[in-house]
C-alpha cells in the first residue's frame, strides 16, 4: 500500500511540474493569452483606420469638397479671386518676457 501511495505521490508531483514549469504549462498559456489580447487591440485599431480610409476614399470619389479641402490644407492652394493672408506671430524673447 505504501508503494502505491508513493508512486501516486511521485506521479502527482511530476504532473504538477509539467503543468507549472515546462513548455505548454500555465505560464506559457498566460503569455499567449496576453499576446492574443495585444493582437486583438491592434486588429481593432487597424479596422478603425481602414474604416476611416474607406470613408475618405468614398468622399474623394463623390464630391469636390474633400478634394478642395485637401488641396488647401496639404498643398496651400487657394481659389481664383481669393486673397491669402499669413499671420506671423512675433517671437517672445526670454529677456523681455522676464521684465514684464
PDB file of N, CA and C in Angstrom:
ATOM      1  N   UNK A   1       0.822  -1.190   0.000  1.00  0.00           N
ATOM      2  CA  UNK A   1       0.000   0.000   0.000  1.00  0.00           C
ATOM      3  C   UNK A   1       0.871   1.261   0.000  1.00  0.00           C
ATOM      4  N   UNK A   2       1.981   1.202   0.739  1.00  0.00           N
ATOM      5  CA  UNK A   2       2.879   2.356   0.785  1.00  0.00           C
ATOM      6  C   UNK A   2       3.517   2.609  -0.580  1.00  0.00           C
ATOM      7  N   UNK A   3       3.789   1.541  -1.300  1.00  0.00           N
ATOM      8  CA  UNK A   3       4.405   1.696  -2.618  1.00  0.00           C
ATOM      9  C   UNK A   3       3.433   2.390  -3.573  1.00  0.00           C
ATOM     10  N   UNK A   4       2.168   2.008  -3.532  1.00  0.00           N
ATOM     11  CA  UNK A   4       1.163   2.626  -4.401  1.00  0.00           C
ATOM     12  C   UNK A   4       1.010   4.112  -4.054  1.00  0.00           C
ATOM     13  N   UNK A   5       0.984   4.428  -2.769  1.00  0.00           N
ATOM     14  CA  UNK A   5       0.869   5.822  -2.342  1.00  0.00           C
ATOM     15  C   UNK A   5       2.089   6.620  -2.793  1.00  0.00           C
ATOM     16  N   UNK A   6       3.267   6.030  -2.684  1.00  0.00           N
ATOM     17  CA  UNK A   6       4.498   6.697  -3.101  1.00  0.00           C
ATOM     18  C   UNK A   6       4.491   6.928  -4.617  1.00  0.00           C
ATOM     19  N   UNK A   7       4.076   5.917  -5.373  1.00  0.00           N
ATOM     20  CA  UNK A   7       4.009   6.054  -6.832  1.00  0.00           C
ATOM     21  C   UNK A   7       3.000   7.136  -7.204  1.00  0.00           C
ATOM     22  N   UNK A   8       1.850   7.168  -6.568  1.00  0.00           N
ATOM     23  CA  UNK A   8       0.845   8.189  -6.842  1.00  0.00           C
ATOM     24  C   UNK A   8       1.354   9.591  -6.484  1.00  0.00           C
ATOM     25  N   UNK A   9       2.077   9.703  -5.385  1.00  0.00           N
ATOM     26  CA  UNK A   9       2.648  10.986  -4.982  1.00  0.00           C
ATOM     27  C   UNK A   9       3.677  11.463  -6.003  1.00  0.00           C
ATOM     28  N   UNK A  10       4.534  10.540  -6.449  1.00  0.00           N
ATOM     29  CA  UNK A  10       5.535  10.896  -7.455  1.00  0.00           C
ATOM     30  C   UNK A  10       4.853  11.311  -8.763  1.00  0.00           C
ATOM     31  N   UNK A  11       3.821  10.566  -9.141  1.00  0.00           N
ATOM     32  CA  UNK A  11       3.064  10.901 -10.347  1.00  0.00           C
ATOM     33  C   UNK A  11       2.408  12.279 -10.218  1.00  0.00           C
ATOM     34  N   UNK A  12       1.849  12.566  -9.052  1.00  0.00           N
ATOM     35  CA  UNK A  12       1.231  13.871  -8.814  1.00  0.00           C
ATOM     36  C   UNK A  12       2.261  14.995  -8.900  1.00  0.00           C
ATOM     37  N   UNK A  13       3.406  14.812  -8.288  1.00  0.00           N
ATOM     38  CA  UNK A  13       4.465  15.822  -8.340  1.00  0.00           C
ATOM     39  C   UNK A  13       4.965  16.018  -9.775  1.00  0.00           C
ATOM     40  N   UNK A  14       5.110  14.945 -10.522  1.00  0.00           N
ATOM     41  CA  UNK A  14       5.563  15.047 -11.907  1.00  0.00           C
ATOM     42  C   UNK A  14       4.553  15.808 -12.756  1.00  0.00           C
ATOM     43  N   UNK A  15       3.265  15.514 -12.570  1.00  0.00           N
ATOM     44  CA  UNK A  15       2.235  16.230 -13.315  1.00  0.00           C
ATOM     45  C   UNK A  15       2.203  17.717 -12.944  1.00  0.00           C
ATOM     46  N   UNK A  16       2.352  18.012 -11.672  1.00  0.00           N
ATOM     47  CA  UNK A  16       2.382  19.407 -11.239  1.00  0.00           C
ATOM     48  C   UNK A  16       3.580  20.138 -11.848  1.00  0.00           C
ATOM     49  N   UNK A  17       4.717  19.465 -11.914  1.00  0.00           N
ATOM     50  CA  UNK A  17       5.898  20.052 -12.531  1.00  0.00           C
ATOM     51  C   UNK A  17       5.625  20.383 -13.996  1.00  0.00           C
ATOM     52  N   UNK A  18       5.022  19.430 -14.717  1.00  0.00           N
ATOM     53  CA  UNK A  18       4.725  19.658 -16.133  1.00  0.00           C
ATOM     54  C   UNK A  18       3.742  20.810 -16.312  1.00  0.00           C
ATOM     55  N   UNK A  19       2.740  20.908 -15.445  1.00  0.00           N
ATOM     56  CA  UNK A  19       1.730  21.963 -15.571  1.00  0.00           C
ATOM     57  C   UNK A  19       2.329  23.338 -15.304  1.00  0.00           C
ATOM     58  N   UNK A  20       3.134  23.478 -14.292  1.00  0.00           N
ATOM     59  CA  UNK A  20       3.603  24.793 -13.853  1.00  0.00           C
ATOM     60  C   UNK A  20       4.910  25.237 -14.487  1.00  0.00           C
ATOM     61  N   UNK A  21       5.794  24.320 -14.836  1.00  0.00           N
ATOM     62  CA  UNK A  21       7.140  24.748 -15.205  1.00  0.00           C
ATOM     63  C   UNK A  21       7.572  24.405 -16.628  1.00  0.00           C
ATOM     64  N   UNK A  22       7.022  23.403 -17.261  1.00  0.00           N
ATOM     65  CA  UNK A  22       7.501  23.026 -18.585  1.00  0.00           C
ATOM     66  C   UNK A  22       6.767  23.780 -19.678  1.00  0.00           C
ATOM     67  N   UNK A  23       7.283  23.636 -20.914  1.00  0.00           N
ATOM     68  CA  UNK A  23       6.659  24.266 -22.086  1.00  0.00           C
ATOM     69  C   UNK A  23       5.217  23.797 -22.213  1.00  0.00           C
ATOM     70  N   UNK A  24       4.357  24.722 -22.545  1.00  0.00           N
ATOM     71  CA  UNK A  24       2.947  24.392 -22.667  1.00  0.00           C
ATOM     72  C   UNK A  24       2.220  24.447 -21.338  1.00  0.00           C
ATOM     73  N   UNK A  25       2.919  24.858 -20.312  1.00  0.00           N
ATOM     74  CA  UNK A  25       2.311  24.952 -18.990  1.00  0.00           C
ATOM     75  C   UNK A  25       1.558  26.265 -18.810  1.00  0.00           C
ATOM     76  N   UNK A  26       1.151  26.507 -17.598  1.00  0.00           N
ATOM     77  CA  UNK A  26       0.332  27.676 -17.279  1.00  0.00           C
ATOM     78  C   UNK A  26       1.032  28.995 -17.612  1.00  0.00           C
ATOM     79  N   UNK A  27       2.327  29.184 -17.295  1.00  0.00           N
ATOM     80  CA  UNK A  27       2.962  30.469 -17.665  1.00  0.00           C
ATOM     81  C   UNK A  27       2.923  30.745 -19.170  1.00  0.00           C
ATOM     82  N   UNK A  28       3.121  29.714 -19.967  1.00  0.00           N
ATOM     83  CA  UNK A  28       3.081  29.914 -21.409  1.00  0.00           C
ATOM     84  C   UNK A  28       1.668  30.223 -21.881  1.00  0.00           C
ATOM     85  N   UNK A  29       0.678  29.582 -21.278  1.00  0.00           N
ATOM     86  CA  UNK A  29      -0.717  29.850 -21.625  1.00  0.00           C
ATOM     87  C   UNK A  29      -1.064  31.296 -21.294  1.00  0.00           C
ATOM     88  N   UNK A  30      -0.629  31.786 -20.141  1.00  0.00           N
ATOM     89  CA  UNK A  30      -0.896  33.176 -19.756  1.00  0.00           C
ATOM     90  C   UNK A  30      -0.221  34.154 -20.711  1.00  0.00           C
ATOM     91  N   UNK A  31       1.004  33.833 -21.105  1.00  0.00           N
ATOM     92  CA  UNK A  31       1.713  34.692 -22.054  1.00  0.00           C
ATOM     93  C   UNK A  31       0.994  34.715 -23.399  1.00  0.00           C
ATOM     94  N   UNK A  32       0.542  33.567 -23.863  1.00  0.00           N
ATOM     95  CA  UNK A  32      -0.166  33.504 -25.139  1.00  0.00           C
ATOM     96  C   UNK A  32      -1.496  34.245 -25.068  1.00  0.00           C
ATOM     97  N   UNK A  33      -2.183  34.181 -23.940  1.00  0.00           N
ATOM     98  CA  UNK A  33      -3.421  34.933 -23.783  1.00  0.00           C
ATOM     99  C   UNK A  33      -3.159  36.433 -23.874  1.00  0.00           C
ATOM    100  N   UNK A  34      -2.067  36.897 -23.277  1.00  0.00           N
ATOM    101  CA  UNK A  34      -1.710  38.315 -23.349  1.00  0.00           C
ATOM    102  C   UNK A  34      -1.391  38.714 -24.780  1.00  0.00           C
ATOM    103  N   UNK A  35      -0.682  37.856 -25.495  1.00  0.00           N
ATOM    104  CA  UNK A  35      -0.374  38.147 -26.892  1.00  0.00           C
ATOM    105  C   UNK A  35      -1.643  38.207 -27.734  1.00  0.00           C
ATOM    106  N   UNK A  36      -2.591  37.328 -27.460  1.00  0.00           N
ATOM    107  CA  UNK A  36      -3.866  37.346 -28.179  1.00  0.00           C
ATOM    108  C   UNK A  36      -4.592  38.661 -27.931  1.00  0.00           C
ATOM    109  N   UNK A  37      -4.610  39.121 -26.682  1.00  0.00           N
ATOM    110  CA  UNK A  37      -5.255  40.400 -26.359  1.00  0.00           C
ATOM    111  C   UNK A  37      -4.572  41.553 -27.078  1.00  0.00           C
ATOM    112  N   UNK A  38      -3.241  41.538 -27.129  1.00  0.00           N
ATOM    113  CA  UNK A  38      -2.499  42.594 -27.821  1.00  0.00           C
ATOM    114  C   UNK A  38      -2.834  42.604 -29.310  1.00  0.00           C
ATOM    115  N   UNK A  39      -2.906  41.427 -29.901  1.00  0.00           N
ATOM    116  CA  UNK A  39      -3.220  41.342 -31.331  1.00  0.00           C
ATOM    117  C   UNK A  39      -4.652  41.794 -31.589  1.00  0.00           C
ATOM    118  N   UNK A  40      -5.578  41.464 -30.694  1.00  0.00           N
ATOM    119  CA  UNK A  40      -6.966  41.911 -30.851  1.00  0.00           C
ATOM    120  C   UNK A  40      -7.050  43.433 -30.821  1.00  0.00           C
ATOM    121  N   UNK A  41      -6.304  44.057 -29.933  1.00  0.00           N
ATOM    122  CA  UNK A  41      -6.286  45.522 -29.857  1.00  0.00           C
ATOM    123  C   UNK A  41      -5.721  46.104 -31.150  1.00  0.00           C
ATOM    124  N   UNK A  42      -4.634  45.513 -31.634  1.00  0.00           N
ATOM    125  CA  UNK A  42      -4.028  46.005 -32.877  1.00  0.00           C
ATOM    126  C   UNK A  42      -4.982  45.839 -34.062  1.00  0.00           C
ATOM    127  N   UNK A  43      -5.684  44.704 -34.110  1.00  0.00           N
ATOM    128  CA  UNK A  43      -6.645  44.465 -35.190  1.00  0.00           C
ATOM    129  C   UNK A  43      -7.768  45.491 -35.138  1.00  0.00           C
ATOM    130  N   UNK A  44      -8.252  45.793 -33.935  1.00  0.00           N
ATOM    131  CA  UNK A  44      -9.323  46.786 -33.780  1.00  0.00           C
ATOM    132  C   UNK A  44      -8.856  48.155 -34.275  1.00  0.00           C
ATOM    133  N   UNK A  45      -7.634  48.540 -33.924  1.00  0.00           N
ATOM    134  CA  UNK A  45      -7.096  49.823 -34.384  1.00  0.00           C
ATOM    135  C   UNK A  45      -6.977  49.850 -35.905  1.00  0.00           C
ATOM    136  N   UNK A  46      -6.525  48.754 -36.487  1.00  0.00           N
ATOM    137  CA  UNK A  46      -6.386  48.699 -37.941  1.00  0.00           C
ATOM    138  C   UNK A  46      -7.749  48.701 -38.629  1.00  0.00           C
ATOM    139  N   UNK A  47      -8.738  48.052 -38.027  1.00  0.00           N
ATOM    140  CA  UNK A  47     -10.089  48.089 -38.594  1.00  0.00           C
ATOM    141  C   UNK A  47     -10.651  49.505 -38.568  1.00  0.00           C
ATOM    142  N   UNK A  48     -10.437  50.203 -37.458  1.00  0.00           N
ATOM    143  CA  UNK A  48     -10.887  51.593 -37.366  1.00  0.00           C
ATOM    144  C   UNK A  48     -10.198  52.465 -38.417  1.00  0.00           C
ATOM    145  N   UNK A  49      -8.916  52.243 -38.585  1.00  0.00           N
ATOM    146  CA  UNK A  49      -8.155  53.004 -39.587  1.00  0.00           C
ATOM    147  C   UNK A  49      -8.667  52.697 -40.995  1.00  0.00           C
ATOM    148  N   UNK A  50      -8.944  51.423 -41.253  1.00  0.00           N
ATOM    149  CA  UNK A  50      -9.465  51.046 -42.568  1.00  0.00           C
ATOM    150  C   UNK A  50     -10.822  51.687 -42.833  1.00  0.00           C
ATOM    151  N   UNK A  51     -11.680  51.729 -41.819  1.00  0.00           N
ATOM    152  CA  UNK A  51     -12.980  52.379 -41.982  1.00  0.00           C
ATOM    153  C   UNK A  51     -12.813  53.859 -42.290  1.00  0.00           C
ATOM    154  N   UNK A  52     -11.885  54.498 -41.595  1.00  0.00           N
ATOM    155  CA  UNK A  52     -11.632  55.913 -41.827  1.00  0.00           C
ATOM    156  C   UNK A  52     -11.113  56.151 -43.249  1.00  0.00           C
ATOM    157  N   UNK A  53     -10.174  55.323 -43.678  1.00  0.00           N
ATOM    158  CA  UNK A  53      -9.635  55.463 -45.026  1.00  0.00           C
ATOM    159  C   UNK A  53     -10.688  55.164 -46.080  1.00  0.00           C
ATOM    160  N   UNK A  54     -11.540  54.179 -45.805  1.00  0.00           N
ATOM    161  CA  UNK A  54     -12.618  53.853 -46.734  1.00  0.00           C
ATOM    162  C   UNK A  54     -13.590  55.023 -46.879  1.00  0.00           C
ATOM    163  N   UNK A  55     -13.925  55.651 -45.754  1.00  0.00           N
ATOM    164  CA  UNK A  55     -14.814  56.804 -45.799  1.00  0.00           C
ATOM    165  C   UNK A  55     -14.166  57.955 -46.563  1.00  0.00           C
ATOM    166  N   UNK A  56     -12.868  58.137 -46.385  1.00  0.00           N
ATOM    167  CA  UNK A  56     -12.164  59.208 -47.094  1.00  0.00           C
ATOM    168  C   UNK A  56     -12.130  58.943 -48.596  1.00  0.00           C
ATOM    169  N   UNK A  57     -11.918  57.693 -48.973  1.00  0.00           N
ATOM    170  CA  UNK A  57     -11.903  57.342 -50.393  1.00  0.00           C
ATOM    171  C   UNK A  57     -13.273  57.589 -51.017  1.00  0.00           C
ATOM    172  N   UNK A  58     -14.324  57.170 -50.318  1.00  0.00           N
ATOM    173  CA  UNK A  58     -15.672  57.393 -50.830  1.00  0.00           C
ATOM    174  C   UNK A  58     -15.965  58.879 -50.966  1.00  0.00           C
ATOM    175  N   UNK A  59     -15.512  59.666 -49.979  1.00  0.00           N
ATOM    176  CA  UNK A  59     -15.732  61.112 -50.023  1.00  0.00           C
ATOM    177  C   UNK A  59     -14.982  61.739 -51.190  1.00  0.00           C
ATOM    178  N   UNK A  60     -13.756  61.277 -51.430  1.00  0.00           N
ATOM    179  CA  UNK A  60     -12.972  61.815 -52.538  1.00  0.00           C
ATOM    180  C   UNK A  60     -13.578  61.431 -53.888  1.00  0.00           C
ATOM    181  N   UNK A  61     -14.189  60.255 -53.971  1.00  0.00           N
ATOM    182  CA  UNK A  61     -14.813  59.828 -55.224  1.00  0.00           C
ATOM    183  C   UNK A  61     -16.099  60.597 -55.499  1.00  0.00           C
ATOM    184  N   UNK A  62     -16.834  60.940 -54.441  1.00  0.00           N
ATOM    185  CA  UNK A  62     -18.145  61.574 -54.611  1.00  0.00           C
ATOM    186  C   UNK A  62     -18.055  63.054 -54.938  1.00  0.00           C
ATOM    187  N   UNK A  63     -17.413  63.805 -54.072  1.00  0.00           N
ATOM    188  CA  UNK A  63     -17.522  65.250 -54.209  1.00  0.00           C
ATOM    189  C   UNK A  63     -16.200  65.962 -54.341  1.00  0.00           C
ATOM    190  N   UNK A  64     -16.326  67.207 -54.736  1.00  0.00           N
ATOM    191  CA  UNK A  64     -15.144  68.034 -54.905  1.00  0.00           C
ATOM    192  C   UNK A  64     -14.748  68.740 -53.612  1.00  0.00           C
ATOM    193  N   UNK A  65     -15.653  68.748 -52.639  1.00  0.00           N
ATOM    194  CA  UNK A  65     -15.346  69.445 -51.382  1.00  0.00           C
ATOM    195  C   UNK A  65     -14.135  68.836 -50.685  1.00  0.00           C
ATOM    196  N   UNK A  66     -14.067  67.520 -50.651  1.00  0.00           N
ATOM    197  CA  UNK A  66     -12.938  66.864 -49.990  1.00  0.00           C
ATOM    198  C   UNK A  66     -11.643  67.116 -50.750  1.00  0.00           C
ATOM    199  N   UNK A  67     -11.727  67.098 -52.075  1.00  0.00           N
ATOM    200  CA  UNK A  67     -10.534  67.363 -52.886  1.00  0.00           C
ATOM    201  C   UNK A  67     -10.063  68.795 -52.670  1.00  0.00           C
ATOM    202  N   UNK A  68     -11.015  69.718 -52.622  1.00  0.00           N
ATOM    203  CA  UNK A  68     -10.668  71.125 -52.395  1.00  0.00           C
ATOM    204  C   UNK A  68     -10.039  71.311 -51.012  1.00  0.00           C
ATOM    205  N   UNK A  69     -10.609  70.682 -50.015  1.00  0.00           N
ATOM    206  CA  UNK A  69     -10.072  70.804 -48.648  1.00  0.00           C
ATOM    207  C   UNK A  69      -8.655  70.251 -48.575  1.00  0.00           C
ATOM    208  N   UNK A  70      -8.430  69.138 -49.242  1.00  0.00           N
ATOM    209  CA  UNK A  70      -7.101  68.550 -49.235  1.00  0.00           C
ATOM    210  C   UNK A  70      -6.101  69.450 -49.958  1.00  0.00           C
ATOM    211  N   UNK A  71      -6.506  70.011 -51.070  1.00  0.00           N
ATOM    212  CA  UNK A  71      -5.623  70.904 -51.816  1.00  0.00           C
ATOM    213  C   UNK A  71      -5.274  72.129 -50.980  1.00  0.00           C
ATOM    214  N   UNK A  72      -6.247  72.647 -50.224  1.00  0.00           N
ATOM    215  CA  UNK A  72      -5.990  73.819 -49.381  1.00  0.00           C
ATOM    216  C   UNK A  72      -5.043  73.472 -48.225  1.00  0.00           C
ATOM    217  N   UNK A  73      -5.324  72.385 -47.521  1.00  0.00           N
ATOM    218  CA  UNK A  73      -4.554  72.090 -46.314  1.00  0.00           C
ATOM    219  C   UNK A  73      -3.173  71.513 -46.608  1.00  0.00           C
ATOM    220  N   UNK A  74      -3.081  70.636 -47.602  1.00  0.00           N
ATOM    221  CA  UNK A  74      -1.808  69.962 -47.830  1.00  0.00           C
ATOM    222  C   UNK A  74      -0.921  70.670 -48.847  1.00  0.00           C
ATOM    223  N   UNK A  75      -1.525  71.381 -49.786  1.00  0.00           N
ATOM    224  CA  UNK A  75      -0.730  71.991 -50.844  1.00  0.00           C
ATOM    225  C   UNK A  75      -0.728  73.511 -50.781  1.00  0.00           C
ATOM    226  N   UNK A  76      -1.533  74.089 -49.880  1.00  0.00           N
ATOM    227  CA  UNK A  76      -1.563  75.534 -49.740  1.00  0.00           C
ATOM    228  C   UNK A  76      -2.202  76.251 -50.907  1.00  0.00           C
ATOM    229  N   UNK A  77      -3.075  75.586 -51.617  1.00  0.00           N
ATOM    230  CA  UNK A  77      -3.715  76.195 -52.788  1.00  0.00           C
ATOM    231  C   UNK A  77      -4.880  77.092 -52.357  1.00  0.00           C
ATOM    232  N   UNK A  78      -5.171  78.092 -53.186  1.00  0.00           N
ATOM    233  CA  UNK A  78      -6.305  78.978 -52.947  1.00  0.00           C
ATOM    234  C   UNK A  78      -7.110  79.085 -54.238  1.00  0.00           C
ATOM    235  N   UNK A  79      -8.371  79.481 -54.087  1.00  0.00           N
ATOM    236  CA  UNK A  79      -9.234  79.644 -55.265  1.00  0.00           C
ATOM    237  C   UNK A  79      -8.883  80.929 -56.006  1.00  0.00           C
ATOM    238  N   UNK A  80      -9.300  80.977 -57.234  1.00  0.00           N
ATOM    239  CA  UNK A  80      -9.087  82.181 -58.021  1.00  0.00           C
ATOM    240  C   UNK A  80      -9.930  83.303 -57.427  1.00  0.00           C
ATOM    241  N   UNK A  81      -9.314  84.450 -57.229  1.00  0.00           N
ATOM    242  CA  UNK A  81     -10.018  85.593 -56.660  1.00  0.00           C
ATOM    243  C   UNK A  81      -9.889  85.688 -55.151  1.00  0.00           C
ATOM    244  N   UNK A  82      -9.361  84.665 -54.505  1.00  0.00           N
ATOM    245  CA  UNK A  82      -9.179  84.723 -53.052  1.00  0.00           C
ATOM    246  C   UNK A  82      -7.847  85.396 -52.729  1.00  0.00           C
ATOM    247  N   UNK A  83      -7.768  85.957 -51.542  1.00  0.00           N
ATOM    248  CA  UNK A  83      -6.536  86.579 -51.074  1.00  0.00           C
ATOM    249  C   UNK A  83      -6.038  85.760 -49.894  1.00  0.00           C
ATOM    250  N   UNK A  84      -4.785  85.429 -49.929  1.00  0.00           N
ATOM    251  CA  UNK A  84      -4.178  84.615 -48.874  1.00  0.00           C
ATOM    252  C   UNK A  84      -3.453  85.526 -47.892  1.00  0.00           C
ATOM    253  N   UNK A  85      -3.781  85.396 -46.631  1.00  0.00           N
ATOM    254  CA  UNK A  85      -3.115  86.160 -45.579  1.00  0.00           C
ATOM    255  C   UNK A  85      -2.376  85.189 -44.675  1.00  0.00           C
ATOM    256  N   UNK A  86      -1.136  85.517 -44.365  1.00  0.00           N
ATOM    257  CA  UNK A  86      -0.371  84.698 -43.442  1.00  0.00           C
ATOM    258  C   UNK A  86      -0.012  85.569 -42.250  1.00  0.00           C
ATOM    259  N   UNK A  87      -0.391  85.134 -41.077  1.00  0.00           N
ATOM    260  CA  UNK A  87      -0.124  85.877 -39.855  1.00  0.00           C
ATOM    261  C   UNK A  87       1.092  85.246 -39.186  1.00  0.00           C
ATOM    262  N   UNK A  88       2.081  86.071 -38.947  1.00  0.00           N
ATOM    263  CA  UNK A  88       3.300  85.602 -38.293  1.00  0.00           C
ATOM    264  C   UNK A  88       3.339  86.219 -36.900  1.00  0.00           C
ATOM    265  N   UNK A  89       3.338  85.362 -35.907  1.00  0.00           N
ATOM    266  CA  UNK A  89       3.400  85.825 -34.523  1.00  0.00           C
ATOM    267  C   UNK A  89       4.832  86.238 -34.198  1.00  0.00           C
ATOM    268  N   UNK A  90       4.994  87.354 -33.492  1.00  0.00           N
ATOM    269  CA  UNK A  90       6.357  87.761 -33.125  1.00  0.00           C
ATOM    270  C   UNK A  90       6.929  86.800 -32.089  1.00  0.00           C
ATOM    271  N   UNK A  91       8.213  86.574 -32.193  1.00  0.00           N
ATOM    272  CA  UNK A  91       8.876  85.698 -31.230  1.00  0.00           C
ATOM    273  C   UNK A  91       8.989  86.429 -29.896  1.00  0.00           C
ATOM    274  N   UNK A  92       8.746  85.688 -28.825  1.00  0.00           N
ATOM    275  CA  UNK A  92       8.877  86.269 -27.484  1.00  0.00           C
ATOM    276  C   UNK A  92      10.272  86.008 -26.998  1.00  0.00           C
ATOM    277  N   UNK A  93      10.984  87.080 -26.693  1.00  0.00           N
ATOM    278  CA  UNK A  93      12.328  86.968 -26.181  1.00  0.00           C
ATOM    279  C   UNK A  93      12.260  86.676 -24.695  1.00  0.00           C
ATOM    280  N   UNK A  94      13.088  85.780 -24.196  1.00  0.00           N
ATOM    281  CA  UNK A  94      13.040  85.429 -22.775  1.00  0.00           C
ATOM    282  C   UNK A  94      13.404  86.622 -21.885  1.00  0.00           C
ATOM    283  N   UNK A  95      14.334  87.451 -22.354  1.00  0.00           N
ATOM    284  CA  UNK A  95      14.752  88.588 -21.541  1.00  0.00           C
ATOM    285  C   UNK A  95      13.650  89.639 -21.461  1.00  0.00           C
ATOM    286  N   UNK A  96      12.884  89.828 -22.526  1.00  0.00           N
ATOM    287  CA  UNK A  96      11.798  90.803 -22.486  1.00  0.00           C
ATOM    288  C   UNK A  96      10.596  90.244 -21.737  1.00  0.00           C
ATOM    289  N   UNK A  97      10.425  88.946 -21.745  1.00  0.00           N
ATOM    290  CA  UNK A  97       9.296  88.338 -21.042  1.00  0.00           C
ATOM    291  C   UNK A  97       9.506  88.422 -19.532  1.00  0.00           C
ATOM    292  N   UNK A  98      10.759  88.368 -19.072  1.00  0.00           N
ATOM    293  CA  UNK A  98      11.032  88.433 -17.637  1.00  0.00           C
ATOM    294  C   UNK A  98      10.840  89.824 -17.066  1.00  0.00           C
ATOM    295  N   UNK A  99      11.016  90.850 -17.873  1.00  0.00           N
ATOM    296  CA  UNK A  99      10.906  92.220 -17.362  1.00  0.00           C
ATOM    297  C   UNK A  99       9.476  92.680 -17.243  1.00  0.00           C
ATOM    298  N   UNK A 100       8.535  91.980 -17.887  1.00  0.00           N
ATOM    299  CA  UNK A 100       7.135  92.405 -17.839  1.00  0.00           C
ATOM    300  C   UNK A 100       6.469  91.997 -16.587  1.00  0.00           C
TER     301      UNK A 100
END
